[in-house]
Amino acid sequence: TSHYLEEVDTLADVVGIMDKGSLIASGTTSELKESLGGTRVQIRIEEFTSQTEAERALEHLKAKGAIRQGLINPGLGNALELVVPANLDTSDPVEILLREAGFKTIFSVSKSRMSLGDVYLTATGRSLQDADLIAQAARDPKQTKSERIL
């Protein structure tokens, strides 16, 4: 097992993604990334966008059919983490739709190939970092301390 997804992408022949004790996705790294069928686009409307505004933007993009999937990432100032269909091999249509919805400026846009982190995010609905934080919060500190001593 590993949380170092770049290493996994390089070294593993077959990958399985577990969530809450269940196998939810498996295949080669290429198969898993290609299954998402698009390009990853991250948009920050403002440096720190309100949850309400991020939700409004995401719902607008979904209603227009401009994205295959989308999530709000609170760890990045409520950035929109989007999967744009392969036939829209650019973020321009998304930006145009956001401007039409009243978002006059866009703080930042980045486009990248899919990663295993994107596969995990799509499969579970949360980032690996968020999953780690949730797991840490659920741990019993006394139990963790006794594990360290042993």
C-alpha atoms as a PDB file:
ATOM      1  CA  THR A   1       0.000   0.000   0.000  1.00  0.00           C
ATOM      2  CA  SER A   2       1.094   3.573  -0.564  1.00  0.00           C
ATOM      3  CA  HIS A   3      -0.125   7.135  -0.463  1.00  0.00           C
ATOM      4  CA  TYR A   4       2.715   8.249  -2.750  1.00  0.00           C
ATOM      5  CA  LEU A   5       0.689   8.212  -5.932  1.00  0.00           C
ATOM      6  CA  GLU A   6       3.521   9.392  -8.192  1.00  0.00           C
ATOM      7  CA  GLU A   7       5.561   6.353  -7.095  1.00  0.00           C
ATOM      8  CA  VAL A   8       2.584   4.054  -7.594  1.00  0.00           C
ATOM      9  CA  ASP A   9       2.042   5.479 -11.077  1.00  0.00           C
ATOM     10  CA  THR A  10       5.649   4.708 -12.004  1.00  0.00           C
ATOM     11  CA  LEU A  11       6.174   1.356 -10.284  1.00  0.00           C
ATOM     12  CA  ALA A  12       2.858  -0.507 -10.179  1.00  0.00           C
ATOM     13  CA  ASP A  13       1.569  -2.847 -12.873  1.00  0.00           C
ATOM     14  CA  VAL A  14      -1.975  -2.937 -11.461  1.00  0.00           C
ATOM     15  CA  VAL A  15      -3.542  -0.572  -8.932  1.00  0.00           C
ATOM     16  CA  GLY A  16      -6.500  -1.011  -6.605  1.00  0.00           C
ATOM     17  CA  ILE A  17      -8.200   1.884  -4.828  1.00  0.00           C
ATOM     18  CA  MET A  18      -9.732   1.066  -1.461  1.00  0.00           C
ATOM     19  CA  ASP A  19     -12.295   3.165   0.365  1.00  0.00           C
ATOM     20  CA  LYS A  20     -13.733   2.223   3.741  1.00  0.00           C
ATOM     21  CA  GLY A  21     -12.479  -1.344   3.347  1.00  0.00           C
ATOM     22  CA  SER A  22     -13.902  -1.925  -0.128  1.00  0.00           C
ATOM     23  CA  LEU A  23     -12.142  -2.128  -3.479  1.00  0.00           C
ATOM     24  CA  ILE A  24     -13.789   0.609  -5.567  1.00  0.00           C
ATOM     25  CA  ALA A  25     -11.520   0.763  -8.626  1.00  0.00           C
ATOM     26  CA  SER A  26      -8.765  -1.345 -10.142  1.00  0.00           C
ATOM     27  CA  GLY A  27      -6.720  -1.586 -13.319  1.00  0.00           C
ATOM     28  CA  THR A  28      -3.482  -0.375 -14.791  1.00  0.00           C
ATOM     29  CA  THR A  29      -2.630   3.234 -14.057  1.00  0.00           C
ATOM     30  CA  SER A  30      -3.237   4.123 -17.719  1.00  0.00           C
ATOM     31  CA  GLU A  31      -6.639   2.410 -17.723  1.00  0.00           C
ATOM     32  CA  LEU A  32      -7.733   4.178 -14.565  1.00  0.00           C
ATOM     33  CA  LYS A  33      -6.666   7.622 -15.796  1.00  0.00           C
ATOM     34  CA  GLU A  34      -8.160   7.113 -19.264  1.00  0.00           C
ATOM     35  CA  SER A  35     -11.457   6.000 -17.697  1.00  0.00           C
ATOM     36  CA  LEU A  36     -11.992   9.589 -16.569  1.00  0.00           C
ATOM     37  CA  GLY A  37     -12.222  10.617 -20.229  1.00  0.00           C
ATOM     38  CA  GLY A  38     -11.103  14.197 -20.221  1.00  0.00           C
ATOM     39  CA  THR A  39      -8.731  16.864 -19.054  1.00  0.00           C
ATOM     40  CA  ARG A  40      -8.355  18.088 -15.491  1.00  0.00           C
ATOM     41  CA  VAL A  41      -9.038  21.796 -15.051  1.00  0.00           C
ATOM     42  CA  GLN A  42      -8.739  23.652 -11.770  1.00  0.00           C
ATOM     43  CA  ILE A  43     -10.388  27.050 -11.547  1.00  0.00           C
ATOM     44  CA  ARG A  44     -10.129  29.482  -8.686  1.00  0.00           C
ATOM     45  CA  ILE A  45     -12.758  32.158  -9.229  1.00  0.00           C
ATOM     46  CA  GLU A  46     -11.222  34.276  -6.489  1.00  0.00           C
ATOM     47  CA  GLU A  47      -8.212  33.586  -4.318  1.00  0.00           C
ATOM     48  CA  PHE A  48     -10.679  32.524  -1.596  1.00  0.00           C
ATOM     49  CA  THR A  49     -14.101  31.929  -3.127  1.00  0.00           C
ATOM     50  CA  SER A  50     -17.078  31.582  -0.809  1.00  0.00           C
ATOM     51  CA  GLN A  51     -18.723  28.156  -0.643  1.00  0.00           C
ATOM     52  CA  THR A  52     -21.957  29.683  -1.962  1.00  0.00           C
ATOM     53  CA  GLU A  53     -20.286  31.207  -5.016  1.00  0.00           C
ATOM     54  CA  ALA A  54     -18.333  28.018  -5.749  1.00  0.00           C
ATOM     55  CA  GLU A  55     -21.560  25.990  -5.568  1.00  0.00           C
ATOM     56  CA  ARG A  56     -23.323  28.457  -7.874  1.00  0.00           C
ATOM     57  CA  ALA A  57     -20.488  28.249 -10.412  1.00  0.00           C
ATOM     58  CA  LEU A  58     -20.334  24.450 -10.292  1.00  0.00           C
ATOM     59  CA  GLU A  59     -24.106  24.079 -10.710  1.00  0.00           C
ATOM     60  CA  HIS A  60     -24.038  26.472 -13.682  1.00  0.00           C
ATOM     61  CA  LEU A  61     -21.300  24.466 -15.412  1.00  0.00           C
ATOM     62  CA  LYS A  62     -23.154  21.191 -14.759  1.00  0.00           C
ATOM     63  CA  ALA A  63     -26.435  22.643 -16.074  1.00  0.00           C
ATOM     64  CA  LYS A  64     -24.692  23.764 -19.284  1.00  0.00           C
ATOM     65  CA  GLY A  65     -23.124  20.309 -19.791  1.00  0.00           C
ATOM     66  CA  ALA A  66     -19.634  21.808 -19.925  1.00  0.00           C
ATOM     67  CA  ILE A  67     -18.060  19.341 -17.500  1.00  0.00           C
ATOM     68  CA  ARG A  68     -18.106  15.588 -16.955  1.00  0.00           C
ATOM     69  CA  GLN A  69     -17.497  15.917 -13.225  1.00  0.00           C
ATOM     70  CA  GLY A  70     -16.774  18.628 -10.756  1.00  0.00           C
ATOM     71  CA  LEU A  71     -16.002  19.072  -7.089  1.00  0.00           C
ATOM     72  CA  ILE A  72     -15.324  21.985  -4.794  1.00  0.00           C
ATOM     73  CA  ASN A  73     -11.953  21.757  -3.050  1.00  0.00           C
ATOM     74  CA  PRO A  74     -12.191  23.646   0.263  1.00  0.00           C
ATOM     75  CA  GLY A  75      -8.475  23.106   0.902  1.00  0.00           C
ATOM     76  CA  LEU A  76      -7.689  25.388  -2.040  1.00  0.00           C
ATOM     77  CA  GLY A  77     -10.026  28.272  -1.262  1.00  0.00           C
ATOM     78  CA  ASN A  78     -13.058  26.451  -2.711  1.00  0.00           C
ATOM     79  CA  ALA A  79     -11.388  25.916  -6.068  1.00  0.00           C
ATOM     80  CA  LEU A  80     -13.385  24.052  -8.705  1.00  0.00           C
ATOM     81  CA  GLU A  81     -11.776  20.710  -9.619  1.00  0.00           C
ATOM     82  CA  LEU A  82     -13.270  19.817 -12.995  1.00  0.00           C
ATOM     83  CA  VAL A  83     -13.086  17.073 -15.573  1.00  0.00           C
ATOM     84  CA  VAL A  84     -13.665  18.682 -18.951  1.00  0.00           C
ATOM     85  CA  PRO A  85     -14.702  16.289 -21.748  1.00  0.00           C
ATOM     86  CA  ALA A  86     -11.946  15.335 -24.177  1.00  0.00           C
ATOM     87  CA  ASN A  87     -13.796  17.000 -27.069  1.00  0.00           C
ATOM     88  CA  LEU A  88     -13.446  20.350 -25.240  1.00  0.00           C
ATOM     89  CA  ASP A  89      -9.664  20.124 -25.048  1.00  0.00           C
ATOM     90  CA  THR A  90      -9.439  23.580 -23.532  1.00  0.00           C
ATOM     91  CA  SER A  91     -10.664  25.458 -20.475  1.00  0.00           C
ATOM     92  CA  ASP A  92     -11.882  28.406 -22.599  1.00  0.00           C
ATOM     93  CA  PRO A  93     -15.547  27.264 -22.862  1.00  0.00           C
ATOM     94  CA  VAL A  94     -15.675  26.849 -19.086  1.00  0.00           C
ATOM     95  CA  GLU A  95     -14.286  30.338 -18.503  1.00  0.00           C
ATOM     96  CA  ILE A  96     -16.750  31.823 -21.013  1.00  0.00           C
ATOM     97  CA  LEU A  97     -19.678  30.124 -19.272  1.00  0.00           C
ATOM     98  CA  LEU A  98     -18.523  31.407 -15.879  1.00  0.00           C
ATOM     99  CA  ARG A  99     -18.311  34.958 -17.233  1.00  0.00           C
ATOM    100  CA  GLU A 100     -21.816  34.586 -18.711  1.00  0.00           C
ATOM    101  CA  ALA A 101     -23.005  33.548 -15.220  1.00  0.00           C
ATOM    102  CA  GLY A 102     -21.715  36.826 -13.777  1.00  0.00           C
ATOM    103  CA  PHE A 103     -18.216  35.859 -12.654  1.00  0.00           C
ATOM    104  CA  LYS A 104     -16.369  38.799 -14.189  1.00  0.00           C
ATOM    105  CA  THR A 105     -12.837  37.779 -13.262  1.00  0.00           C
ATOM    106  CA  ILE A 106     -11.123  34.438 -12.776  1.00  0.00           C
ATOM    107  CA  PHE A 107      -8.234  34.319 -10.280  1.00  0.00           C
ATOM    108  CA  SER A 108      -6.478  31.292 -11.819  1.00  0.00           C
ATOM    109  CA  VAL A 109      -6.927  28.437 -14.276  1.00  0.00           C
ATOM    110  CA  SER A 110      -4.708  25.405 -14.616  1.00  0.00           C
ATOM    111  CA  LYS A 111      -5.026  22.468 -16.963  1.00  0.00           C
ATOM    112  CA  SER A 112      -3.290  19.111 -16.630  1.00  0.00           C
ATOM    113  CA  ARG A 113      -3.394  15.467 -17.565  1.00  0.00           C
ATOM    114  CA  MET A 114      -5.258  13.133 -15.282  1.00  0.00           C
ATOM    115  CA  SER A 115      -3.350  11.686 -12.338  1.00  0.00           C
ATOM    116  CA  LEU A 116      -3.987   8.860  -9.891  1.00  0.00           C
ATOM    117  CA  GLY A 117      -4.973  11.580  -7.430  1.00  0.00           C
ATOM    118  CA  ASP A 118      -7.742  12.571  -9.850  1.00  0.00           C
ATOM    119  CA  VAL A 119      -8.811   8.922 -10.095  1.00  0.00           C
ATOM    120  CA  TYR A 120      -8.983   8.735  -6.284  1.00  0.00           C
ATOM    121  CA  LEU A 121     -10.872  12.041  -6.083  1.00  0.00           C
ATOM    122  CA  THR A 122     -13.376  10.889  -8.702  1.00  0.00           C
ATOM    123  CA  ALA A 123     -13.856   7.452  -7.150  1.00  0.00           C
ATOM    124  CA  THR A 124     -14.262   8.618  -3.539  1.00  0.00           C
ATOM    125  CA  GLY A 125     -15.447  12.213  -3.796  1.00  0.00           C
ATOM    126  CA  ARG A 126     -12.516  13.494  -1.747  1.00  0.00           C
ATOM    127  CA  SER A 127      -8.806  14.007  -2.135  1.00  0.00           C
ATOM    128  CA  LEU A 128      -6.299  11.607  -0.606  1.00  0.00           C
ATOM    129  CA  GLN A 129      -5.174  14.431   1.698  1.00  0.00           C
ATOM    130  CA  ASP A 130      -8.770  14.959   2.889  1.00  0.00           C
ATOM    131  CA  ALA A 131      -9.151  11.203   3.471  1.00  0.00           C
ATOM    132  CA  ASP A 132      -5.978  11.224   5.588  1.00  0.00           C
ATOM    133  CA  LEU A 133      -7.240  14.171   7.647  1.00  0.00           C
ATOM    134  CA  ILE A 134     -10.573  12.417   8.257  1.00  0.00           C
ATOM    135  CA  ALA A 135      -8.772   9.217   9.285  1.00  0.00           C
ATOM    136  CA  GLN A 136      -6.449  11.127  11.627  1.00  0.00           C
ATOM    137  CA  ALA A 137      -9.381  12.873  13.283  1.00  0.00           C
ATOM    138  CA  ALA A 138     -11.125   9.536  13.853  1.00  0.00           C
ATOM    139  CA  ARG A 139      -8.108   7.893  15.528  1.00  0.00           C
ATOM    140  CA  ASP A 140      -8.036   7.394  19.276  1.00  0.00           C
ATOM    141  CA  PRO A 141      -5.006   9.370  20.532  1.00  0.00           C
ATOM    142  CA  LYS A 142      -4.441   6.909  23.400  1.00  0.00           C
ATOM    143  CA  GLN A 143      -4.409   3.978  20.989  1.00  0.00           C
ATOM    144  CA  THR A 144      -2.031   5.809  18.645  1.00  0.00           C
ATOM    145  CA  LYS A 145       0.330   6.553  21.547  1.00  0.00           C
ATOM    146  CA  SER A 146       0.403   2.908  22.627  1.00  0.00           C
ATOM    147  CA  GLU A 147       1.090   1.813  19.035  1.00  0.00           C
ATOM    148  CA  ARG A 148       4.126   4.108  18.901  1.00  0.00           C
ATOM    149  CA  ILE A 149       5.512   2.671  22.137  1.00  0.00           C
ATOM    150  CA  LEU A 150       5.270  -0.902  20.893  1.00  0.00           C
END
